[in-house]
């Protein structure tokens, strides 16, 4: 996989143009989405991503804040895609059975 380095020591751009943590496949937006979803501090992100250094985490967060508009659009696109896939998939057989039992 080809990556391009950025001005951020620990951030690279992958072959799809997606900012990732250099040496990993973890996307910057995935780290940011975890921070938003769980309200994690950088230290809590580190607890949950032990393979990342605090420097890598802070670099990813700094990259996000410097490119917030662009990355927020990518986050929104990912959320919309996930919602479409949930709607397309419909209920699982298990959920269908539960709903049928609740009606009785």
C-alpha atoms as a PDB file:
ATOM      1  CA  UNK A   1       0.000   0.000   0.000  1.00  0.00           C
ATOM      2  CA  UNK A   2       1.396   3.379  -1.017  1.00  0.00           C
ATOM      3  CA  UNK A   3       1.170   6.281   1.411  1.00  0.00           C
ATOM      4  CA  UNK A   4       2.151   9.924   1.226  1.00  0.00           C
ATOM      5  CA  UNK A   5       3.583  11.706   4.238  1.00  0.00           C
ATOM      6  CA  UNK A   6       2.040  14.928   5.519  1.00  0.00           C
ATOM      7  CA  UNK A   7       3.359  17.838   7.564  1.00  0.00           C
ATOM      8  CA  UNK A   8       2.148  15.875  10.592  1.00  0.00           C
ATOM      9  CA  UNK A   9       4.839  13.479  11.786  1.00  0.00           C
ATOM     10  CA  UNK A  10       2.482  10.554  12.393  1.00  0.00           C
ATOM     11  CA  UNK A  11      -0.129  11.121   9.673  1.00  0.00           C
ATOM     12  CA  UNK A  12       0.023   9.747   6.135  1.00  0.00           C
ATOM     13  CA  UNK A  13      -2.406   9.814   3.223  1.00  0.00           C
ATOM     14  CA  UNK A  14      -3.213   6.348   1.860  1.00  0.00           C
ATOM     15  CA  UNK A  15      -3.684   5.389  -1.793  1.00  0.00           C
ATOM     16  CA  UNK A  16      -7.374   6.377  -1.585  1.00  0.00           C
ATOM     17  CA  UNK A  17      -6.560   9.855  -0.291  1.00  0.00           C
ATOM     18  CA  UNK A  18      -7.641   9.024   3.262  1.00  0.00           C
ATOM     19  CA  UNK A  19      -5.588  10.350   6.199  1.00  0.00           C
ATOM     20  CA  UNK A  20      -4.369   7.478   8.384  1.00  0.00           C
ATOM     21  CA  UNK A  21      -1.986   7.059  11.272  1.00  0.00           C
ATOM     22  CA  UNK A  22       1.363   6.269   9.631  1.00  0.00           C
ATOM     23  CA  UNK A  23       2.288   2.614   9.958  1.00  0.00           C
ATOM     24  CA  UNK A  24      -1.304   1.615  10.711  1.00  0.00           C
ATOM     25  CA  UNK A  25      -4.531   1.266   8.760  1.00  0.00           C
ATOM     26  CA  UNK A  26      -6.476   3.286  11.352  1.00  0.00           C
ATOM     27  CA  UNK A  27      -8.130   6.289   9.731  1.00  0.00           C
ATOM     28  CA  UNK A  28      -7.949   9.651  11.473  1.00  0.00           C
ATOM     29  CA  UNK A  29     -11.746   9.945  11.242  1.00  0.00           C
ATOM     30  CA  UNK A  30     -12.196   6.579  12.995  1.00  0.00           C
ATOM     31  CA  UNK A  31     -10.176   7.860  15.931  1.00  0.00           C
ATOM     32  CA  UNK A  32     -12.140  11.125  15.960  1.00  0.00           C
ATOM     33  CA  UNK A  33     -15.479   9.295  15.710  1.00  0.00           C
ATOM     34  CA  UNK A  34     -14.518   7.184  18.741  1.00  0.00           C
ATOM     35  CA  UNK A  35     -13.640  10.347  20.645  1.00  0.00           C
ATOM     36  CA  UNK A  36     -16.976  11.927  19.736  1.00  0.00           C
ATOM     37  CA  UNK A  37     -19.049   8.797  20.378  1.00  0.00           C
ATOM     38  CA  UNK A  38     -17.532   7.943  23.747  1.00  0.00           C
ATOM     39  CA  UNK A  39     -16.340  11.368  24.875  1.00  0.00           C
ATOM     40  CA  UNK A  40     -12.824   9.990  25.305  1.00  0.00           C
ATOM     41  CA  UNK A  41      -9.871  12.147  26.243  1.00  0.00           C
ATOM     42  CA  UNK A  42      -6.575  11.463  24.438  1.00  0.00           C
ATOM     43  CA  UNK A  43      -5.504   9.354  27.450  1.00  0.00           C
ATOM     44  CA  UNK A  44      -8.700   7.291  27.210  1.00  0.00           C
ATOM     45  CA  UNK A  45      -8.132   6.830  23.476  1.00  0.00           C
ATOM     46  CA  UNK A  46      -4.677   5.506  24.376  1.00  0.00           C
ATOM     47  CA  UNK A  47      -6.166   3.044  26.877  1.00  0.00           C
ATOM     48  CA  UNK A  48      -8.432   1.713  24.130  1.00  0.00           C
ATOM     49  CA  UNK A  49      -5.776   1.818  21.382  1.00  0.00           C
ATOM     50  CA  UNK A  50      -2.659   0.624  23.230  1.00  0.00           C
ATOM     51  CA  UNK A  51      -0.769   0.174  19.970  1.00  0.00           C
ATOM     52  CA  UNK A  52      -0.833   3.959  19.411  1.00  0.00           C
ATOM     53  CA  UNK A  53       1.472   6.367  21.206  1.00  0.00           C
ATOM     54  CA  UNK A  54       0.162   9.537  22.786  1.00  0.00           C
ATOM     55  CA  UNK A  55       2.121  11.464  20.139  1.00  0.00           C
ATOM     56  CA  UNK A  56       0.301   9.616  17.364  1.00  0.00           C
ATOM     57  CA  UNK A  57      -3.067  10.297  19.002  1.00  0.00           C
ATOM     58  CA  UNK A  58      -2.354  14.000  19.467  1.00  0.00           C
ATOM     59  CA  UNK A  59      -1.059  14.246  15.905  1.00  0.00           C
ATOM     60  CA  UNK A  60      -4.270  12.664  14.577  1.00  0.00           C
ATOM     61  CA  UNK A  61      -6.425  15.028  16.632  1.00  0.00           C
ATOM     62  CA  UNK A  62      -4.363  18.040  15.513  1.00  0.00           C
ATOM     63  CA  UNK A  63      -4.728  16.919  11.889  1.00  0.00           C
ATOM     64  CA  UNK A  64      -8.482  16.663  12.395  1.00  0.00           C
ATOM     65  CA  UNK A  65      -8.744  20.196  13.792  1.00  0.00           C
ATOM     66  CA  UNK A  66      -6.639  21.599  10.944  1.00  0.00           C
ATOM     67  CA  UNK A  67      -8.819  19.798   8.354  1.00  0.00           C
ATOM     68  CA  UNK A  68     -12.100  19.755  10.261  1.00  0.00           C
ATOM     69  CA  UNK A  69     -14.463  20.805   7.469  1.00  0.00           C
ATOM     70  CA  UNK A  70     -13.149  18.197   5.029  1.00  0.00           C
ATOM     71  CA  UNK A  71     -13.051  15.414   7.629  1.00  0.00           C
ATOM     72  CA  UNK A  72     -16.493  16.267   9.017  1.00  0.00           C
ATOM     73  CA  UNK A  73     -17.826  15.799   5.480  1.00  0.00           C
ATOM     74  CA  UNK A  74     -16.130  12.388   5.331  1.00  0.00           C
ATOM     75  CA  UNK A  75     -17.619  11.451   8.709  1.00  0.00           C
ATOM     76  CA  UNK A  76     -21.081  12.516   7.545  1.00  0.00           C
ATOM     77  CA  UNK A  77     -20.701  10.495   4.336  1.00  0.00           C
ATOM     78  CA  UNK A  78     -19.693   7.414   6.362  1.00  0.00           C
ATOM     79  CA  UNK A  79     -22.689   7.831   8.680  1.00  0.00           C
ATOM     80  CA  UNK A  80     -25.076   8.217   5.740  1.00  0.00           C
ATOM     81  CA  UNK A  81     -23.607   5.125   4.057  1.00  0.00           C
ATOM     82  CA  UNK A  82     -24.006   3.102   7.265  1.00  0.00           C
ATOM     83  CA  UNK A  83     -27.634   4.221   7.590  1.00  0.00           C
ATOM     84  CA  UNK A  84     -28.375   3.234   3.980  1.00  0.00           C
ATOM     85  CA  UNK A  85     -26.824  -0.191   4.549  1.00  0.00           C
ATOM     86  CA  UNK A  86     -28.903  -0.699   7.726  1.00  0.00           C
ATOM     87  CA  UNK A  87     -32.070   0.202   5.836  1.00  0.00           C
ATOM     88  CA  UNK A  88     -31.118  -2.027   2.905  1.00  0.00           C
ATOM     89  CA  UNK A  89     -30.329  -4.997   5.161  1.00  0.00           C
ATOM     90  CA  UNK A  90     -33.612  -4.783   7.047  1.00  0.00           C
ATOM     91  CA  UNK A  91     -34.238  -6.729  10.216  1.00  0.00           C
ATOM     92  CA  UNK A  92     -32.235  -9.837  10.975  1.00  0.00           C
ATOM     93  CA  UNK A  93     -34.154 -13.121  11.323  1.00  0.00           C
ATOM     94  CA  UNK A  94     -33.642 -12.880  15.081  1.00  0.00           C
ATOM     95  CA  UNK A  95     -35.215  -9.411  15.284  1.00  0.00           C
ATOM     96  CA  UNK A  96     -38.075 -10.561  13.046  1.00  0.00           C
ATOM     97  CA  UNK A  97     -38.799 -13.461  15.440  1.00  0.00           C
ATOM     98  CA  UNK A  98     -38.679 -11.134  18.447  1.00  0.00           C
ATOM     99  CA  UNK A  99     -41.115  -8.735  16.812  1.00  0.00           C
ATOM    100  CA  UNK A 100     -43.455 -11.615  15.958  1.00  0.00           C
ATOM    101  CA  UNK A 101     -43.392 -12.826  19.567  1.00  0.00           C
ATOM    102  CA  UNK A 102     -44.132  -9.346  20.885  1.00  0.00           C
ATOM    103  CA  UNK A 103     -47.263  -9.106  18.723  1.00  0.00           C
ATOM    104  CA  UNK A 104     -48.813 -12.288  20.169  1.00  0.00           C
END
